[in-house]
Every structure is written in structure tokens, then in C-alpha cells.
Amino acid sequence: MMALVSTPAGSPEHWGERILKRALLVRAQTVAARITAYTDDSANTPHQLITGSRRALADLNALRVRWNRATGPAHAPRRKLPARAAPPCPATSLPLRSAPPTSRTN
């Protein structure tokens, strides 16, 4: 009996992936049930149906992101952000407002 619990049953990565996969499937089933409940309720307006469905799908998306991080490459390259624009040079910037013309009388 002790040999059964003392021998490894697989790698932690394998079991972690299995747990995440199961969680993803259960969450997808729950989201489908929530959306079905929204569509079956005739008192819901189209706006309520869309809003409720988007919230339910956001929960599923959060788990999908975890799945992708867990099963993706260990060190995925990050997307390079564009460089920020430098502030305008004071010598070349235009004035915001020109001064009104002055009238001269002789």
C-alpha cells in the first residue's frame, strides 16, 4: 500500500495541464448554461442578453488566458511597444495664438 502512494504518478506539469483542461471544460459548460438561461428568459431585452453573455464569456476568457500561459512556451517574447514621441522642441514649435495686429496712427 505504501508503494502506491510513494511512487510518482506522473510529472507535475502533466497533472497541472489536466487540471487546467478540466477547469476550462467545466467553465465552458457553466458559461453555456448561463447564456442559455439568458436566452430562455423572455423578460430579457436584447441589451440584457448581450451584456450578460459578454460577462459570462469574459469569465471563460480569463481561464483561456491562464491556459495559454500554462501551456505556451516558457519564455514567449514580449511584443515590443512603439517608442514614445519626444516633446516638441521649443524653438520649432508654433505659438498657440498670434498677437492681434497693432494699429498705428500718425
C-alpha atoms as a PDB file:
ATOM      1  CA  MET A   1       0.000   0.000   0.000  1.00  0.00           C
ATOM      2  CA  MET A   2       2.793   2.455   0.845  1.00  0.00           C
ATOM      3  CA  ALA A   3       4.433   1.750  -2.512  1.00  0.00           C
ATOM      4  CA  LEU A   4       1.273   3.004  -4.225  1.00  0.00           C
ATOM      5  CA  VAL A   5       1.383   6.429  -2.583  1.00  0.00           C
ATOM      6  CA  SER A   6       5.153   6.794  -2.618  1.00  0.00           C
ATOM      7  CA  THR A   7       5.696   6.231  -6.352  1.00  0.00           C
ATOM      8  CA  PRO A   8       5.192   9.244  -8.590  1.00  0.00           C
ATOM      9  CA  ALA A   9       2.140   9.055 -10.826  1.00  0.00           C
ATOM     10  CA  GLY A  10       3.410  11.442 -13.464  1.00  0.00           C
ATOM     11  CA  SER A  11       5.013  14.807 -13.814  1.00  0.00           C
ATOM     12  CA  PRO A  12       3.542  17.857 -12.078  1.00  0.00           C
ATOM     13  CA  GLU A  13       3.322  19.567 -15.486  1.00  0.00           C
ATOM     14  CA  HIS A  14       1.136  16.767 -16.809  1.00  0.00           C
ATOM     15  CA  TRP A  15      -1.259  16.930 -13.862  1.00  0.00           C
ATOM     16  CA  GLY A  16      -1.298  20.719 -13.877  1.00  0.00           C
ATOM     17  CA  GLU A  17      -2.290  20.663 -17.540  1.00  0.00           C
ATOM     18  CA  ARG A  18      -5.001  18.093 -16.848  1.00  0.00           C
ATOM     19  CA  ILE A  19      -6.404  20.207 -14.005  1.00  0.00           C
ATOM     20  CA  LEU A  20      -6.472  23.347 -16.167  1.00  0.00           C
ATOM     21  CA  LYS A  21      -8.096  21.463 -19.033  1.00  0.00           C
ATOM     22  CA  ARG A  22     -10.803  20.153 -16.707  1.00  0.00           C
ATOM     23  CA  ALA A  23     -11.360  23.623 -15.269  1.00  0.00           C
ATOM     24  CA  LEU A  24     -11.667  25.040 -18.783  1.00  0.00           C
ATOM     25  CA  LEU A  25     -14.266  22.450 -19.771  1.00  0.00           C
ATOM     26  CA  VAL A  26     -16.295  22.955 -16.589  1.00  0.00           C
ATOM     27  CA  ARG A  27     -16.188  26.734 -17.008  1.00  0.00           C
ATOM     28  CA  ALA A  28     -17.301  26.432 -20.653  1.00  0.00           C
ATOM     29  CA  GLN A  29     -20.245  24.285 -19.553  1.00  0.00           C
ATOM     30  CA  THR A  30     -21.180  26.820 -16.861  1.00  0.00           C
ATOM     31  CA  VAL A  31     -20.954  29.715 -19.322  1.00  0.00           C
ATOM     32  CA  ALA A  32     -23.140  27.840 -21.814  1.00  0.00           C
ATOM     33  CA  ALA A  33     -25.738  27.256 -19.094  1.00  0.00           C
ATOM     34  CA  ARG A  34     -25.698  30.955 -18.130  1.00  0.00           C
ATOM     35  CA  ILE A  35     -26.147  32.095 -21.727  1.00  0.00           C
ATOM     36  CA  THR A  36     -28.922  29.537 -22.233  1.00  0.00           C
ATOM     37  CA  ALA A  37     -30.670  30.903 -19.141  1.00  0.00           C
ATOM     38  CA  TYR A  38     -30.450  34.426 -20.579  1.00  0.00           C
ATOM     39  CA  THR A  39     -31.947  33.321 -23.897  1.00  0.00           C
ATOM     40  CA  ASP A  40     -34.721  31.279 -22.267  1.00  0.00           C
ATOM     41  CA  ASP A  41     -35.936  34.210 -20.166  1.00  0.00           C
ATOM     42  CA  SER A  42     -38.354  36.133 -22.360  1.00  0.00           C
ATOM     43  CA  ALA A  43     -38.259  39.115 -19.982  1.00  0.00           C
ATOM     44  CA  ASN A  44     -34.658  39.881 -21.005  1.00  0.00           C
ATOM     45  CA  THR A  45     -34.149  42.597 -23.575  1.00  0.00           C
ATOM     46  CA  PRO A  46     -31.592  42.104 -26.352  1.00  0.00           C
ATOM     47  CA  HIS A  47     -29.300  44.504 -24.497  1.00  0.00           C
ATOM     48  CA  GLN A  48     -29.531  42.408 -21.312  1.00  0.00           C
ATOM     49  CA  LEU A  49     -28.864  39.239 -23.308  1.00  0.00           C
ATOM     50  CA  ILE A  50     -25.777  40.756 -24.936  1.00  0.00           C
ATOM     51  CA  THR A  51     -24.455  42.238 -21.688  1.00  0.00           C
ATOM     52  CA  GLY A  52     -24.990  39.054 -19.694  1.00  0.00           C
ATOM     53  CA  SER A  53     -23.450  36.901 -22.407  1.00  0.00           C
ATOM     54  CA  ARG A  54     -20.388  39.121 -22.673  1.00  0.00           C
ATOM     55  CA  ARG A  55     -19.859  38.948 -18.909  1.00  0.00           C
ATOM     56  CA  ALA A  56     -20.169  35.180 -18.963  1.00  0.00           C
ATOM     57  CA  LEU A  57     -17.722  34.914 -21.852  1.00  0.00           C
ATOM     58  CA  ALA A  58     -15.272  37.226 -20.037  1.00  0.00           C
ATOM     59  CA  ASP A  59     -15.060  34.623 -17.253  1.00  0.00           C
ATOM     60  CA  LEU A  60     -14.261  31.965 -19.819  1.00  0.00           C
ATOM     61  CA  ASN A  61     -11.685  34.213 -21.482  1.00  0.00           C
ATOM     62  CA  ALA A  62      -9.834  34.706 -18.187  1.00  0.00           C
ATOM     63  CA  LEU A  63      -9.406  30.951 -17.870  1.00  0.00           C
ATOM     64  CA  ARG A  64      -8.373  30.675 -21.532  1.00  0.00           C
ATOM     65  CA  VAL A  65      -5.587  33.199 -20.888  1.00  0.00           C
ATOM     66  CA  ARG A  66      -4.374  31.080 -17.946  1.00  0.00           C
ATOM     67  CA  TRP A  67      -4.440  28.004 -20.187  1.00  0.00           C
ATOM     68  CA  ASN A  68      -2.391  29.741 -22.879  1.00  0.00           C
ATOM     69  CA  ARG A  69       0.182  30.927 -20.352  1.00  0.00           C
ATOM     70  CA  ALA A  70       0.450  27.491 -18.766  1.00  0.00           C
ATOM     71  CA  THR A  71       0.722  25.514 -21.993  1.00  0.00           C
ATOM     72  CA  GLY A  72       2.604  28.045 -24.125  1.00  0.00           C
ATOM     73  CA  PRO A  73       6.349  28.436 -24.489  1.00  0.00           C
ATOM     74  CA  ALA A  74       8.190  29.137 -21.242  1.00  0.00           C
ATOM     75  CA  HIS A  75       9.657  32.432 -22.344  1.00  0.00           C
ATOM     76  CA  ALA A  76       7.471  33.883 -25.054  1.00  0.00           C
ATOM     77  CA  PRO A  77       8.950  37.064 -26.495  1.00  0.00           C
ATOM     78  CA  ARG A  78       7.081  40.144 -25.439  1.00  0.00           C
ATOM     79  CA  ARG A  79       5.681  42.429 -28.062  1.00  0.00           C
ATOM     80  CA  LYS A  80       7.834  45.499 -28.431  1.00  0.00           C
ATOM     81  CA  LEU A  81       5.937  48.672 -27.670  1.00  0.00           C
ATOM     82  CA  PRO A  82       6.337  51.635 -30.005  1.00  0.00           C
ATOM     83  CA  ALA A  83       8.679  54.372 -28.813  1.00  0.00           C
ATOM     84  CA  ARG A  84       7.001  57.386 -27.316  1.00  0.00           C
ATOM     85  CA  ALA A  85       7.164  60.582 -29.280  1.00  0.00           C
ATOM     86  CA  ALA A  86       9.548  63.198 -27.941  1.00  0.00           C
ATOM     87  CA  PRO A  87       8.073  66.514 -26.833  1.00  0.00           C
ATOM     88  CA  PRO A  88       8.246  69.270 -29.427  1.00  0.00           C
ATOM     89  CA  CYS A  89      11.332  71.417 -29.468  1.00  0.00           C
ATOM     90  CA  PRO A  90      10.526  74.914 -28.113  1.00  0.00           C
ATOM     91  CA  ALA A  91      12.430  76.647 -30.919  1.00  0.00           C
ATOM     92  CA  THR A  92      10.435  74.930 -33.649  1.00  0.00           C
ATOM     93  CA  SER A  93       7.021  74.846 -32.065  1.00  0.00           C
ATOM     94  CA  LEU A  94       4.432  77.298 -33.270  1.00  0.00           C
ATOM     95  CA  PRO A  95       2.750  79.728 -30.911  1.00  0.00           C
ATOM     96  CA  LEU A  96      -0.733  78.773 -29.871  1.00  0.00           C
ATOM     97  CA  ARG A  97      -2.163  82.199 -30.613  1.00  0.00           C
ATOM     98  CA  SER A  98      -0.757  85.074 -32.602  1.00  0.00           C
ATOM     99  CA  ALA A  99      -0.862  88.570 -31.179  1.00  0.00           C
ATOM    100  CA  PRO A 100      -3.509  90.872 -32.644  1.00  0.00           C
ATOM    101  CA  PRO A 101      -2.184  93.413 -35.144  1.00  0.00           C
ATOM    102  CA  THR A 102      -1.449  96.799 -33.662  1.00  0.00           C
ATOM    103  CA  SER A 103      -2.807  99.883 -35.370  1.00  0.00           C
ATOM    104  CA  ARG A 104      -0.512 102.860 -35.857  1.00  0.00           C
ATOM    105  CA  THR A 105      -1.749 106.346 -36.220  1.00  0.00           C
ATOM    106  CA  ASN A 106       0.422 109.164 -37.483  1.00  0.00           C
END
